[in-house]
């Protein structure tokens, strides 16, 4: 059997952002490149996307407007 093609976690086009770079050595609000490369907003040839640095979206609110009729069989 053939190997299954791996697909990126967050789609094909993740924008280049120093906050998500593998070489980021600072907090998300103040990224600091450990390679001392160009600052945020500039092109970086050593950019390597790290999905573990992304913060997940907040979960949607739970529905709480149930009636007692909803729980009857």
PDB file of N, CA and C in Angstrom:
ATOM      1  N   UNK A   1       0.829  -1.182   0.000  1.00  0.00           N
ATOM      2  CA  UNK A   1       0.000   0.000   0.000  1.00  0.00           C
ATOM      3  C   UNK A   1       0.873   1.245   0.000  1.00  0.00           C
ATOM      4  N   UNK A   2       0.336   2.306  -0.540  1.00  0.00           N
ATOM      5  CA  UNK A   2       1.064   3.560  -0.584  1.00  0.00           C
ATOM      6  C   UNK A   2       0.911   4.341   0.716  1.00  0.00           C
ATOM      7  N   UNK A   3       1.811   5.271   0.891  1.00  0.00           N
ATOM      8  CA  UNK A   3       1.747   6.115   2.078  1.00  0.00           C
ATOM      9  C   UNK A   3       0.677   7.182   1.902  1.00  0.00           C
ATOM     10  N   UNK A   4       0.047   7.534   3.011  1.00  0.00           N
ATOM     11  CA  UNK A   4      -0.946   8.593   2.980  1.00  0.00           C
ATOM     12  C   UNK A   4      -0.222   9.936   3.014  1.00  0.00           C
ATOM     13  N   UNK A   5      -0.640  10.839   2.142  1.00  0.00           N
ATOM     14  CA  UNK A   5      -0.001  12.142   2.069  1.00  0.00           C
ATOM     15  C   UNK A   5      -0.370  12.967   3.295  1.00  0.00           C
ATOM     16  N   UNK A   6       0.631  13.534   3.935  1.00  0.00           N
ATOM     17  CA  UNK A   6       0.384  14.375   5.100  1.00  0.00           C
ATOM     18  C   UNK A   6      -0.096  15.737   4.632  1.00  0.00           C
ATOM     19  N   UNK A   7      -1.119  16.253   5.322  1.00  0.00           N
ATOM     20  CA  UNK A   7      -1.595  17.587   5.009  1.00  0.00           C
ATOM     21  C   UNK A   7      -1.314  18.498   6.199  1.00  0.00           C
ATOM     22  N   UNK A   8      -1.069  19.767   5.942  1.00  0.00           N
ATOM     23  CA  UNK A   8      -0.798  20.696   7.032  1.00  0.00           C
ATOM     24  C   UNK A   8      -1.980  20.789   7.987  1.00  0.00           C
ATOM     25  N   UNK A   9      -1.697  21.074   9.253  1.00  0.00           N
ATOM     26  CA  UNK A   9      -2.742  21.117  10.264  1.00  0.00           C
ATOM     27  C   UNK A   9      -3.741  22.243  10.061  1.00  0.00           C
ATOM     28  N   UNK A  10      -3.289  23.406   9.650  1.00  0.00           N
ATOM     29  CA  UNK A  10      -4.158  24.558   9.549  1.00  0.00           C
ATOM     30  C   UNK A  10      -4.292  25.055   8.123  1.00  0.00           C
ATOM     31  N   UNK A  11      -4.278  24.162   7.152  1.00  0.00           N
ATOM     32  CA  UNK A  11      -4.462  24.546   5.761  1.00  0.00           C
ATOM     33  C   UNK A  11      -3.144  24.725   5.031  1.00  0.00           C
ATOM     34  N   UNK A  12      -3.255  25.050   3.767  1.00  0.00           N
ATOM     35  CA  UNK A  12      -2.085  25.169   2.914  1.00  0.00           C
ATOM     36  C   UNK A  12      -1.359  26.496   3.091  1.00  0.00           C
ATOM     37  N   UNK A  13      -2.085  27.549   3.411  1.00  0.00           N
ATOM     38  CA  UNK A  13      -1.445  28.868   3.434  1.00  0.00           C
ATOM     39  C   UNK A  13      -1.532  29.480   4.833  1.00  0.00           C
ATOM     40  N   UNK A  14      -0.562  29.158   5.664  1.00  0.00           N
ATOM     41  CA  UNK A  14      -0.452  29.779   6.978  1.00  0.00           C
ATOM     42  C   UNK A  14       0.420  31.004   6.801  1.00  0.00           C
ATOM     43  N   UNK A  15      -0.078  32.189   7.195  1.00  0.00           N
ATOM     44  CA  UNK A  15       0.738  33.387   7.000  1.00  0.00           C
ATOM     45  C   UNK A  15       2.002  33.334   7.850  1.00  0.00           C
ATOM     46  N   UNK A  16       3.082  33.847   7.300  1.00  0.00           N
ATOM     47  CA  UNK A  16       4.363  33.839   7.999  1.00  0.00           C
ATOM     48  C   UNK A  16       4.298  34.846   9.152  1.00  0.00           C
ATOM     49  N   UNK A  17       4.427  34.340  10.373  1.00  0.00           N
ATOM     50  CA  UNK A  17       4.339  35.175  11.565  1.00  0.00           C
ATOM     51  C   UNK A  17       5.388  34.693  12.558  1.00  0.00           C
ATOM     52  N   UNK A  18       6.187  35.612  13.083  1.00  0.00           N
ATOM     53  CA  UNK A  18       7.255  35.237  14.013  1.00  0.00           C
ATOM     54  C   UNK A  18       6.702  34.597  15.290  1.00  0.00           C
ATOM     55  N   UNK A  19       5.452  34.886  15.639  1.00  0.00           N
ATOM     56  CA  UNK A  19       4.869  34.308  16.850  1.00  0.00           C
ATOM     57  C   UNK A  19       4.688  32.802  16.707  1.00  0.00           C
ATOM     58  N   UNK A  20       4.579  32.279  15.475  1.00  0.00           N
ATOM     59  CA  UNK A  20       4.380  30.850  15.238  1.00  0.00           C
ATOM     60  C   UNK A  20       5.641  30.152  14.739  1.00  0.00           C
ATOM     61  N   UNK A  21       6.773  30.845  14.730  1.00  0.00           N
ATOM     62  CA  UNK A  21       8.003  30.280  14.198  1.00  0.00           C
ATOM     63  C   UNK A  21       8.672  29.373  15.222  1.00  0.00           C
ATOM     64  N   UNK A  22       9.308  28.319  14.736  1.00  0.00           N
ATOM     65  CA  UNK A  22      10.030  27.381  15.586  1.00  0.00           C
ATOM     66  C   UNK A  22      11.192  28.074  16.307  1.00  0.00           C
ATOM     67  N   UNK A  23      11.747  29.099  15.703  1.00  0.00           N
ATOM     68  CA  UNK A  23      12.899  29.810  16.257  1.00  0.00           C
ATOM     69  C   UNK A  23      12.499  30.949  17.195  1.00  0.00           C
ATOM     70  N   UNK A  24      11.226  31.044  17.538  1.00  0.00           N
ATOM     71  CA  UNK A  24      10.754  32.090  18.432  1.00  0.00           C
ATOM     72  C   UNK A  24      11.193  31.762  19.854  1.00  0.00           C
ATOM     73  N   UNK A  25      11.902  32.680  20.492  1.00  0.00           N
ATOM     74  CA  UNK A  25      12.396  32.444  21.838  1.00  0.00           C
ATOM     75  C   UNK A  25      11.720  33.311  22.875  1.00  0.00           C
ATOM     76  N   UNK A  26      10.738  34.096  22.479  1.00  0.00           N
ATOM     77  CA  UNK A  26      10.064  34.995  23.408  1.00  0.00           C
ATOM     78  C   UNK A  26       8.590  34.663  23.531  1.00  0.00           C
ATOM     79  N   UNK A  27       7.864  35.416  24.349  1.00  0.00           N
ATOM     80  CA  UNK A  27       6.419  35.197  24.461  1.00  0.00           C
ATOM     81  C   UNK A  27       5.706  35.597  23.174  1.00  0.00           C
ATOM     82  N   UNK A  28       4.444  35.198  23.056  1.00  0.00           N
ATOM     83  CA  UNK A  28       3.697  35.432  21.814  1.00  0.00           C
ATOM     84  C   UNK A  28       3.502  36.912  21.527  1.00  0.00           C
ATOM     85  N   UNK A  29       3.363  37.740  22.561  1.00  0.00           N
ATOM     86  CA  UNK A  29       3.138  39.158  22.306  1.00  0.00           C
ATOM     87  C   UNK A  29       4.425  39.902  21.935  1.00  0.00           C
ATOM     88  N   UNK A  30       5.580  39.335  22.272  1.00  0.00           N
ATOM     89  CA  UNK A  30       6.867  39.931  21.912  1.00  0.00           C
ATOM     90  C   UNK A  30       7.807  38.858  21.380  1.00  0.00           C
ATOM     91  N   UNK A  31       7.610  38.392  20.139  1.00  0.00           N
ATOM     92  CA  UNK A  31       8.473  37.338  19.604  1.00  0.00           C
ATOM     93  C   UNK A  31       9.910  37.815  19.454  1.00  0.00           C
ATOM     94  N   UNK A  32      10.824  36.913  19.770  1.00  0.00           N
ATOM     95  CA  UNK A  32      12.249  37.210  19.636  1.00  0.00           C
ATOM     96  C   UNK A  32      12.915  36.041  18.915  1.00  0.00           C
ATOM     97  N   UNK A  33      13.540  36.329  17.809  1.00  0.00           N
ATOM     98  CA  UNK A  33      14.178  35.288  17.005  1.00  0.00           C
ATOM     99  C   UNK A  33      15.473  34.834  17.673  1.00  0.00           C
ATOM    100  N   UNK A  34      15.607  33.538  17.873  1.00  0.00           N
ATOM    101  CA  UNK A  34      16.825  33.007  18.480  1.00  0.00           C
ATOM    102  C   UNK A  34      17.987  32.997  17.489  1.00  0.00           C
ATOM    103  N   UNK A  35      17.677  33.124  16.200  1.00  0.00           N
ATOM    104  CA  UNK A  35      18.726  33.158  15.170  1.00  0.00           C
ATOM    105  C   UNK A  35      19.176  34.582  14.865  1.00  0.00           C
ATOM    106  N   UNK A  36      18.569  35.577  15.499  1.00  0.00           N
ATOM    107  CA  UNK A  36      18.853  36.996  15.293  1.00  0.00           C
ATOM    108  C   UNK A  36      18.650  37.401  13.833  1.00  0.00           C
ATOM    109  N   UNK A  37      17.520  36.976  13.288  1.00  0.00           N
ATOM    110  CA  UNK A  37      17.169  37.282  11.904  1.00  0.00           C
ATOM    111  C   UNK A  37      16.269  38.508  11.868  1.00  0.00           C
ATOM    112  N   UNK A  38      15.815  38.930  10.693  1.00  0.00           N
ATOM    113  CA  UNK A  38      14.974  40.122  10.585  1.00  0.00           C
ATOM    114  C   UNK A  38      13.780  40.075  11.532  1.00  0.00           C
ATOM    115  N   UNK A  39      13.328  41.233  11.938  1.00  0.00           N
ATOM    116  CA  UNK A  39      12.230  41.356  12.887  1.00  0.00           C
ATOM    117  C   UNK A  39      10.874  40.999  12.289  1.00  0.00           C
ATOM    118  N   UNK A  40       9.820  41.129  13.091  1.00  0.00           N
ATOM    119  CA  UNK A  40       8.472  40.798  12.622  1.00  0.00           C
ATOM    120  C   UNK A  40       8.072  41.665  11.432  1.00  0.00           C
ATOM    121  N   UNK A  41       7.348  41.088  10.522  1.00  0.00           N
ATOM    122  CA  UNK A  41       6.896  41.804   9.345  1.00  0.00           C
ATOM    123  C   UNK A  41       7.876  41.765   8.194  1.00  0.00           C
ATOM    124  N   UNK A  42       9.093  41.330   8.416  1.00  0.00           N
ATOM    125  CA  UNK A  42      10.082  41.227   7.354  1.00  0.00           C
ATOM    126  C   UNK A  42      10.180  39.776   6.897  1.00  0.00           C
ATOM    127  N   UNK A  43      10.650  39.570   5.688  1.00  0.00           N
ATOM    128  CA  UNK A  43      10.792  38.212   5.165  1.00  0.00           C
ATOM    129  C   UNK A  43      11.937  37.484   5.854  1.00  0.00           C
ATOM    130  N   UNK A  44      11.676  36.250   6.228  1.00  0.00           N
ATOM    131  CA  UNK A  44      12.676  35.440   6.906  1.00  0.00           C
ATOM    132  C   UNK A  44      12.821  34.138   6.135  1.00  0.00           C
ATOM    133  N   UNK A  45      14.019  33.825   5.699  1.00  0.00           N
ATOM    134  CA  UNK A  45      14.231  32.603   4.926  1.00  0.00           C
ATOM    135  C   UNK A  45      14.302  31.378   5.821  1.00  0.00           C
ATOM    136  N   UNK A  46      14.493  31.569   7.135  1.00  0.00           N
ATOM    137  CA  UNK A  46      14.592  30.449   8.065  1.00  0.00           C
ATOM    138  C   UNK A  46      13.290  30.191   8.809  1.00  0.00           C
ATOM    139  N   UNK A  47      12.182  30.766   8.340  1.00  0.00           N
ATOM    140  CA  UNK A  47      10.893  30.582   9.010  1.00  0.00           C
ATOM    141  C   UNK A  47      10.487  29.110   8.973  1.00  0.00           C
ATOM    142  N   UNK A  48      10.145  28.564  10.119  1.00  0.00           N
ATOM    143  CA  UNK A  48       9.713  27.180  10.230  1.00  0.00           C
ATOM    144  C   UNK A  48       8.478  27.160  11.119  1.00  0.00           C
ATOM    145  N   UNK A  49       7.342  26.818  10.549  1.00  0.00           N
ATOM    146  CA  UNK A  49       6.066  26.871  11.254  1.00  0.00           C
ATOM    147  C   UNK A  49       6.015  25.820  12.360  1.00  0.00           C
ATOM    148  N   UNK A  50       5.624  26.229  13.562  1.00  0.00           N
ATOM    149  CA  UNK A  50       5.464  25.333  14.705  1.00  0.00           C
ATOM    150  C   UNK A  50       4.009  25.406  15.159  1.00  0.00           C
ATOM    151  N   UNK A  51       3.188  24.384  14.866  1.00  0.00           N
ATOM    152  CA  UNK A  51       1.764  24.445  15.211  1.00  0.00           C
ATOM    153  C   UNK A  51       1.514  24.448  16.710  1.00  0.00           C
ATOM    154  N   UNK A  52       2.473  24.041  17.516  1.00  0.00           N
ATOM    155  CA  UNK A  52       2.265  24.017  18.965  1.00  0.00           C
ATOM    156  C   UNK A  52       2.280  25.413  19.584  1.00  0.00           C
ATOM    157  N   UNK A  53       2.745  26.410  18.852  1.00  0.00           N
ATOM    158  CA  UNK A  53       2.752  27.776  19.367  1.00  0.00           C
ATOM    159  C   UNK A  53       1.427  28.498  19.142  1.00  0.00           C
ATOM    160  N   UNK A  54       0.532  27.918  18.359  1.00  0.00           N
ATOM    161  CA  UNK A  54      -0.767  28.545  18.121  1.00  0.00           C
ATOM    162  C   UNK A  54      -1.653  28.389  19.341  1.00  0.00           C
ATOM    163  N   UNK A  55      -2.452  29.399  19.618  1.00  0.00           N
ATOM    164  CA  UNK A  55      -3.436  29.294  20.687  1.00  0.00           C
ATOM    165  C   UNK A  55      -4.758  28.873  20.057  1.00  0.00           C
ATOM    166  N   UNK A  56      -5.443  27.894  20.640  1.00  0.00           N
ATOM    167  CA  UNK A  56      -6.686  27.426  20.043  1.00  0.00           C
ATOM    168  C   UNK A  56      -7.800  28.466  20.148  1.00  0.00           C
ATOM    169  N   UNK A  57      -8.744  28.374  19.245  1.00  0.00           N
ATOM    170  CA  UNK A  57      -9.901  29.254  19.287  1.00  0.00           C
ATOM    171  C   UNK A  57     -10.730  28.933  20.521  1.00  0.00           C
ATOM    172  N   UNK A  58     -11.417  29.923  21.080  1.00  0.00           N
ATOM    173  CA  UNK A  58     -12.287  29.626  22.219  1.00  0.00           C
ATOM    174  C   UNK A  58     -13.464  28.759  21.780  1.00  0.00           C
ATOM    175  N   UNK A  59     -13.913  27.902  22.665  1.00  0.00           N
ATOM    176  CA  UNK A  59     -15.018  27.023  22.321  1.00  0.00           C
ATOM    177  C   UNK A  59     -16.325  27.814  22.283  1.00  0.00           C
ATOM    178  N   UNK A  60     -17.258  27.405  21.449  1.00  0.00           N
ATOM    179  CA  UNK A  60     -18.526  28.125  21.357  1.00  0.00           C
ATOM    180  C   UNK A  60     -19.326  27.957  22.651  1.00  0.00           C
ATOM    181  N   UNK A  61     -20.197  28.908  22.956  1.00  0.00           N
ATOM    182  CA  UNK A  61     -20.986  28.797  24.181  1.00  0.00           C
ATOM    183  C   UNK A  61     -21.957  27.616  24.112  1.00  0.00           C
ATOM    184  N   UNK A  62     -22.205  27.011  25.263  1.00  0.00           N
ATOM    185  CA  UNK A  62     -23.126  25.882  25.325  1.00  0.00           C
ATOM    186  C   UNK A  62     -24.563  26.370  25.330  1.00  0.00           C
ATOM    187  N   UNK A  63     -25.408  25.601  24.736  1.00  0.00           N
ATOM    188  CA  UNK A  63     -26.830  25.936  24.708  1.00  0.00           C
ATOM    189  C   UNK A  63     -27.438  25.543  26.051  1.00  0.00           C
ATOM    190  N   UNK A  64     -28.107  26.469  26.709  1.00  0.00           N
ATOM    191  CA  UNK A  64     -28.679  26.190  28.024  1.00  0.00           C
ATOM    192  C   UNK A  64     -30.182  26.437  28.079  1.00  0.00           C
ATOM    193  N   UNK A  65     -30.792  26.734  26.976  1.00  0.00           N
ATOM    194  CA  UNK A  65     -32.227  27.033  26.972  1.00  0.00           C
ATOM    195  C   UNK A  65     -33.056  25.786  26.650  1.00  0.00           C
ATOM    196  N   UNK A  66     -32.902  24.746  27.453  1.00  0.00           N
ATOM    197  CA  UNK A  66     -33.645  23.498  27.258  1.00  0.00           C
ATOM    198  C   UNK A  66     -34.950  23.534  28.037  1.00  0.00           C
ATOM    199  N   UNK A  67     -35.938  22.824  27.537  1.00  0.00           N
ATOM    200  CA  UNK A  67     -37.224  22.660  28.203  1.00  0.00           C
ATOM    201  C   UNK A  67     -37.270  21.267  28.818  1.00  0.00           C
ATOM    202  N   UNK A  68     -38.097  21.039  29.835  1.00  0.00           N
ATOM    203  CA  UNK A  68     -38.239  19.688  30.361  1.00  0.00           C
ATOM    204  C   UNK A  68     -38.742  18.694  29.315  1.00  0.00           C
ATOM    205  N   UNK A  69     -39.430  19.161  28.302  1.00  0.00           N
ATOM    206  CA  UNK A  69     -39.903  18.307  27.213  1.00  0.00           C
ATOM    207  C   UNK A  69     -38.741  17.693  26.426  1.00  0.00           C
ATOM    208  N   UNK A  70     -37.628  18.367  26.399  1.00  0.00           N
ATOM    209  CA  UNK A  70     -36.467  17.881  25.661  1.00  0.00           C
ATOM    210  C   UNK A  70     -35.893  16.601  26.267  1.00  0.00           C
ATOM    211  N   UNK A  71     -36.166  16.352  27.547  1.00  0.00           N
ATOM    212  CA  UNK A  71     -35.568  15.214  28.238  1.00  0.00           C
ATOM    213  C   UNK A  71     -36.532  14.064  28.433  1.00  0.00           C
ATOM    214  N   UNK A  72     -37.727  14.152  27.887  1.00  0.00           N
ATOM    215  CA  UNK A  72     -38.704  13.071  27.996  1.00  0.00           C
ATOM    216  C   UNK A  72     -38.533  12.111  26.842  1.00  0.00           C
ATOM    217  N   UNK A  73     -38.760  10.831  27.123  1.00  0.00           N
ATOM    218  CA  UNK A  73     -38.683   9.817  26.073  1.00  0.00           C
ATOM    219  C   UNK A  73     -40.021   9.574  25.444  1.00  0.00           C
TER     220      UNK A  73
END
